[in-house]
Each structure stands twice: as C-alpha cells, then as structure tokens.
N, C-alpha and C. Protein backbone atom coordinates (compact mmCIF):
# COMPACT_ATOMS: atom_id res chain seq x y z
N MET A 1 -26.52 -6.58 33.66
CA MET A 1 -25.76 -6.93 32.48
C MET A 1 -25.81 -8.44 32.30
N GLN A 2 -26.17 -8.84 31.13
CA GLN A 2 -26.24 -10.26 30.79
C GLN A 2 -24.84 -10.80 30.54
N LYS A 3 -24.47 -11.89 31.22
CA LYS A 3 -23.15 -12.49 31.03
C LYS A 3 -23.31 -13.65 30.07
N SER A 4 -23.18 -13.33 28.79
CA SER A 4 -23.43 -14.35 27.79
C SER A 4 -22.70 -14.02 26.50
N LEU A 5 -22.37 -15.07 25.77
CA LEU A 5 -21.78 -14.88 24.45
C LEU A 5 -22.79 -14.26 23.51
N GLN A 6 -24.06 -14.40 23.84
CA GLN A 6 -25.11 -13.92 22.96
C GLN A 6 -25.63 -12.53 23.33
N SER A 7 -25.06 -11.90 24.35
CA SER A 7 -25.53 -10.57 24.72
C SER A 7 -25.25 -9.58 23.59
N ALA A 8 -26.10 -8.61 23.48
CA ALA A 8 -25.94 -7.59 22.44
C ALA A 8 -24.62 -6.85 22.62
N GLU A 9 -24.23 -6.62 23.86
CA GLU A 9 -22.99 -5.90 24.13
C GLU A 9 -21.77 -6.68 23.62
N TYR A 10 -21.75 -7.97 23.92
CA TYR A 10 -20.61 -8.79 23.48
C TYR A 10 -20.61 -8.93 21.96
N GLN A 11 -21.76 -9.14 21.38
CA GLN A 11 -21.85 -9.26 19.92
C GLN A 11 -21.35 -7.99 19.24
N HIS A 12 -21.64 -6.84 19.83
CA HIS A 12 -21.16 -5.57 19.25
C HIS A 12 -19.64 -5.47 19.35
N LEU A 13 -19.08 -5.89 20.47
CA LEU A 13 -17.62 -5.86 20.62
C LEU A 13 -16.95 -6.74 19.57
N ILE A 14 -17.49 -7.92 19.35
CA ILE A 14 -16.94 -8.83 18.35
C ILE A 14 -17.13 -8.25 16.94
N ALA A 15 -18.25 -7.61 16.72
CA ALA A 15 -18.50 -6.99 15.41
C ALA A 15 -17.43 -5.93 15.11
N LEU A 16 -16.96 -5.23 16.13
CA LEU A 16 -15.88 -4.25 15.92
C LEU A 16 -14.59 -4.94 15.49
N LEU A 17 -14.29 -6.09 16.09
CA LEU A 17 -13.10 -6.84 15.69
C LEU A 17 -13.24 -7.39 14.28
N VAL A 18 -14.41 -7.88 13.94
CA VAL A 18 -14.65 -8.40 12.59
C VAL A 18 -14.50 -7.27 11.58
N ALA A 19 -15.06 -6.10 11.89
CA ALA A 19 -14.94 -4.95 10.99
C ALA A 19 -13.48 -4.55 10.83
N ALA A 20 -12.73 -4.59 11.90
CA ALA A 20 -11.30 -4.26 11.83
C ALA A 20 -10.56 -5.27 10.95
N ARG A 21 -10.94 -6.54 11.06
CA ARG A 21 -10.31 -7.56 10.22
C ARG A 21 -10.64 -7.32 8.75
N HIS A 22 -11.89 -7.03 8.46
CA HIS A 22 -12.27 -6.74 7.08
C HIS A 22 -11.56 -5.51 6.55
N LYS A 23 -11.49 -4.47 7.38
CA LYS A 23 -10.81 -3.23 6.97
C LYS A 23 -9.34 -3.49 6.66
N ALA A 24 -8.73 -4.39 7.42
CA ALA A 24 -7.32 -4.73 7.21
C ALA A 24 -7.14 -5.66 6.02
N GLY A 25 -8.24 -6.21 5.50
CA GLY A 25 -8.15 -7.12 4.36
C GLY A 25 -7.52 -8.45 4.71
N ILE A 26 -7.74 -8.89 5.94
CA ILE A 26 -7.14 -10.14 6.43
C ILE A 26 -8.22 -11.20 6.58
N ARG A 27 -7.96 -12.38 6.05
CA ARG A 27 -8.88 -13.50 6.20
C ARG A 27 -8.66 -14.16 7.57
N GLN A 28 -9.65 -14.93 7.99
CA GLN A 28 -9.55 -15.61 9.28
C GLN A 28 -8.28 -16.46 9.38
N HIS A 29 -7.98 -17.19 8.33
CA HIS A 29 -6.82 -18.08 8.36
C HIS A 29 -5.52 -17.29 8.55
N ALA A 30 -5.39 -16.18 7.84
CA ALA A 30 -4.17 -15.36 7.96
C ALA A 30 -4.06 -14.76 9.36
N LEU A 31 -5.17 -14.33 9.93
CA LEU A 31 -5.15 -13.79 11.29
C LEU A 31 -4.75 -14.88 12.28
N ALA A 32 -5.32 -16.05 12.11
CA ALA A 32 -4.98 -17.17 13.00
C ALA A 32 -3.49 -17.47 12.94
N MET A 33 -2.92 -17.44 11.75
CA MET A 33 -1.49 -17.69 11.61
C MET A 33 -0.68 -16.63 12.37
N LYS A 34 -1.09 -15.36 12.26
CA LYS A 34 -0.40 -14.29 12.99
C LYS A 34 -0.47 -14.50 14.50
N LEU A 35 -1.58 -15.07 14.95
CA LEU A 35 -1.79 -15.29 16.37
C LEU A 35 -1.18 -16.60 16.87
N GLY A 36 -0.76 -17.44 15.93
CA GLY A 36 -0.24 -18.75 16.31
C GLY A 36 -1.34 -19.69 16.79
N LYS A 37 -2.53 -19.50 16.24
CA LYS A 37 -3.70 -20.28 16.63
C LYS A 37 -4.28 -20.96 15.40
N PRO A 38 -5.13 -21.97 15.60
CA PRO A 38 -5.83 -22.56 14.45
C PRO A 38 -6.91 -21.61 13.95
N GLN A 39 -7.29 -21.77 12.71
CA GLN A 39 -8.33 -20.92 12.12
C GLN A 39 -9.63 -21.03 12.92
N SER A 40 -9.88 -22.18 13.52
CA SER A 40 -11.10 -22.37 14.30
C SER A 40 -11.18 -21.41 15.50
N PHE A 41 -10.03 -20.99 16.02
CA PHE A 41 -10.02 -20.02 17.12
C PHE A 41 -10.72 -18.73 16.69
N VAL A 42 -10.36 -18.23 15.52
CA VAL A 42 -10.96 -17.00 15.00
C VAL A 42 -12.43 -17.24 14.68
N ALA A 43 -12.73 -18.34 14.02
CA ALA A 43 -14.11 -18.65 13.66
C ALA A 43 -15.00 -18.76 14.90
N LYS A 44 -14.48 -19.35 15.95
CA LYS A 44 -15.28 -19.54 17.16
C LYS A 44 -15.58 -18.24 17.88
N TYR A 45 -14.60 -17.34 18.00
CA TYR A 45 -14.94 -16.09 18.69
C TYR A 45 -15.79 -15.19 17.79
N GLU A 46 -15.53 -15.20 16.49
CA GLU A 46 -16.36 -14.39 15.60
C GLU A 46 -17.78 -14.93 15.51
N GLY A 47 -17.93 -16.23 15.63
CA GLY A 47 -19.25 -16.85 15.55
C GLY A 47 -20.00 -16.91 16.87
N GLY A 48 -19.40 -16.40 17.93
CA GLY A 48 -20.06 -16.36 19.22
C GLY A 48 -20.00 -17.67 19.99
N GLU A 49 -19.09 -18.54 19.63
CA GLU A 49 -18.95 -19.82 20.35
C GLU A 49 -17.89 -19.74 21.44
N ARG A 50 -17.06 -18.72 21.41
CA ARG A 50 -15.97 -18.60 22.37
C ARG A 50 -15.86 -17.16 22.83
N ARG A 51 -15.68 -16.98 24.12
CA ARG A 51 -15.55 -15.64 24.69
C ARG A 51 -14.07 -15.27 24.77
N LEU A 52 -13.76 -14.02 24.45
CA LEU A 52 -12.40 -13.52 24.53
C LEU A 52 -12.17 -12.84 25.87
N ASP A 53 -10.95 -12.96 26.38
CA ASP A 53 -10.60 -12.15 27.53
C ASP A 53 -9.93 -10.87 27.03
N VAL A 54 -9.63 -9.97 27.92
CA VAL A 54 -9.10 -8.67 27.52
C VAL A 54 -7.72 -8.79 26.87
N ILE A 55 -6.90 -9.71 27.33
CA ILE A 55 -5.57 -9.89 26.75
C ILE A 55 -5.71 -10.39 25.31
N GLU A 56 -6.61 -11.33 25.09
CA GLU A 56 -6.84 -11.83 23.73
C GLU A 56 -7.36 -10.72 22.83
N PHE A 57 -8.28 -9.90 23.34
CA PHE A 57 -8.81 -8.78 22.56
C PHE A 57 -7.69 -7.86 22.11
N ILE A 58 -6.81 -7.50 23.03
CA ILE A 58 -5.69 -6.61 22.71
C ILE A 58 -4.77 -7.25 21.68
N THR A 59 -4.44 -8.52 21.87
CA THR A 59 -3.55 -9.23 20.95
C THR A 59 -4.15 -9.30 19.55
N ILE A 60 -5.43 -9.58 19.46
CA ILE A 60 -6.11 -9.67 18.16
C ILE A 60 -6.14 -8.30 17.49
N ALA A 61 -6.53 -7.28 18.23
CA ALA A 61 -6.58 -5.93 17.66
C ALA A 61 -5.21 -5.52 17.12
N GLU A 62 -4.17 -5.77 17.88
CA GLU A 62 -2.83 -5.41 17.44
C GLU A 62 -2.39 -6.23 16.23
N ALA A 63 -2.78 -7.50 16.17
CA ALA A 63 -2.44 -8.33 15.01
C ALA A 63 -3.13 -7.81 13.75
N LEU A 64 -4.25 -7.13 13.93
CA LEU A 64 -4.98 -6.54 12.80
C LEU A 64 -4.47 -5.15 12.44
N GLY A 65 -3.53 -4.65 13.23
CA GLY A 65 -3.02 -3.30 13.00
C GLY A 65 -3.97 -2.24 13.52
N ALA A 66 -4.88 -2.63 14.41
CA ALA A 66 -5.84 -1.70 14.99
C ALA A 66 -5.40 -1.34 16.40
N ASP A 67 -5.78 -0.17 16.83
CA ASP A 67 -5.46 0.29 18.18
C ASP A 67 -6.56 -0.24 19.12
N PRO A 68 -6.21 -1.13 20.05
CA PRO A 68 -7.24 -1.68 20.93
C PRO A 68 -7.93 -0.63 21.79
N ILE A 69 -7.23 0.41 22.17
CA ILE A 69 -7.84 1.47 22.97
C ILE A 69 -8.90 2.21 22.14
N LYS A 70 -8.59 2.49 20.88
CA LYS A 70 -9.57 3.16 20.02
C LYS A 70 -10.79 2.28 19.79
N LEU A 71 -10.56 0.98 19.63
CA LEU A 71 -11.70 0.07 19.47
C LEU A 71 -12.58 0.06 20.72
N LEU A 72 -11.96 0.03 21.89
CA LEU A 72 -12.73 0.05 23.13
C LEU A 72 -13.46 1.38 23.32
N ARG A 73 -12.81 2.46 22.95
CA ARG A 73 -13.49 3.77 23.04
C ARG A 73 -14.69 3.83 22.11
N ARG A 74 -14.52 3.28 20.91
CA ARG A 74 -15.64 3.25 19.98
C ARG A 74 -16.78 2.40 20.54
N TYR A 75 -16.44 1.26 21.12
CA TYR A 75 -17.44 0.40 21.74
C TYR A 75 -18.20 1.17 22.82
N LEU A 76 -17.47 1.84 23.70
CA LEU A 76 -18.11 2.60 24.78
C LEU A 76 -18.97 3.73 24.25
N ARG A 77 -18.49 4.43 23.25
CA ARG A 77 -19.26 5.52 22.65
C ARG A 77 -20.55 4.98 22.05
N ASP A 78 -20.46 3.86 21.34
CA ASP A 78 -21.64 3.24 20.72
C ASP A 78 -22.64 2.78 21.78
N GLN A 79 -22.15 2.27 22.90
CA GLN A 79 -23.04 1.78 23.95
C GLN A 79 -23.78 2.90 24.66
N ARG A 80 -23.14 4.05 24.72
CA ARG A 80 -23.77 5.20 25.39
C ARG A 80 -24.77 5.90 24.50
N GLY A 81 -24.70 5.57 23.20
CA GLY A 81 -25.66 6.13 22.24
C GLY A 81 -25.40 7.52 21.94
C-alpha cells in the first residue's frame, strides 16, 4: 500500500467526502465555518495537500450530514470491486 496523499486509494476516499459535500449543497467556506476551521483547511484536504486522520474524517462527514460508517463501507466496497 502506497502511503501518500496521491495514492489512488486516498484520492478515492477524499472524492467520497467531496461528493457528500456537493450532495449536501455546502460550499467549502460554509463547511469550514461548521468545522471551526479556515476555508484553506477544506481546500487543502480536497486538493490533496493535507492528509486527514480518522477523527477528522468522522467530524467532516458528520458536519456534512453524512454517515461516516456508510461512507467507509462504500469506500471498502468500491476498493474490492
């Protein structure tokens, strides 16, 4: 497994969060405000400049109104093909 911000696996995980944000109709700035972070925080993880830890992933998913467990299950299902 490649440990990189640029790995296909990590990019797919972030793509799921981006899709959840779009589905929720929330802009980066509004999400950042919900998280108590600057807009650059969202831009950096979505752009592959910053890696998220599991706690951040859960917090972001919940701020988007998405179920983090369902997102992770979808990620795993997609990875298994």
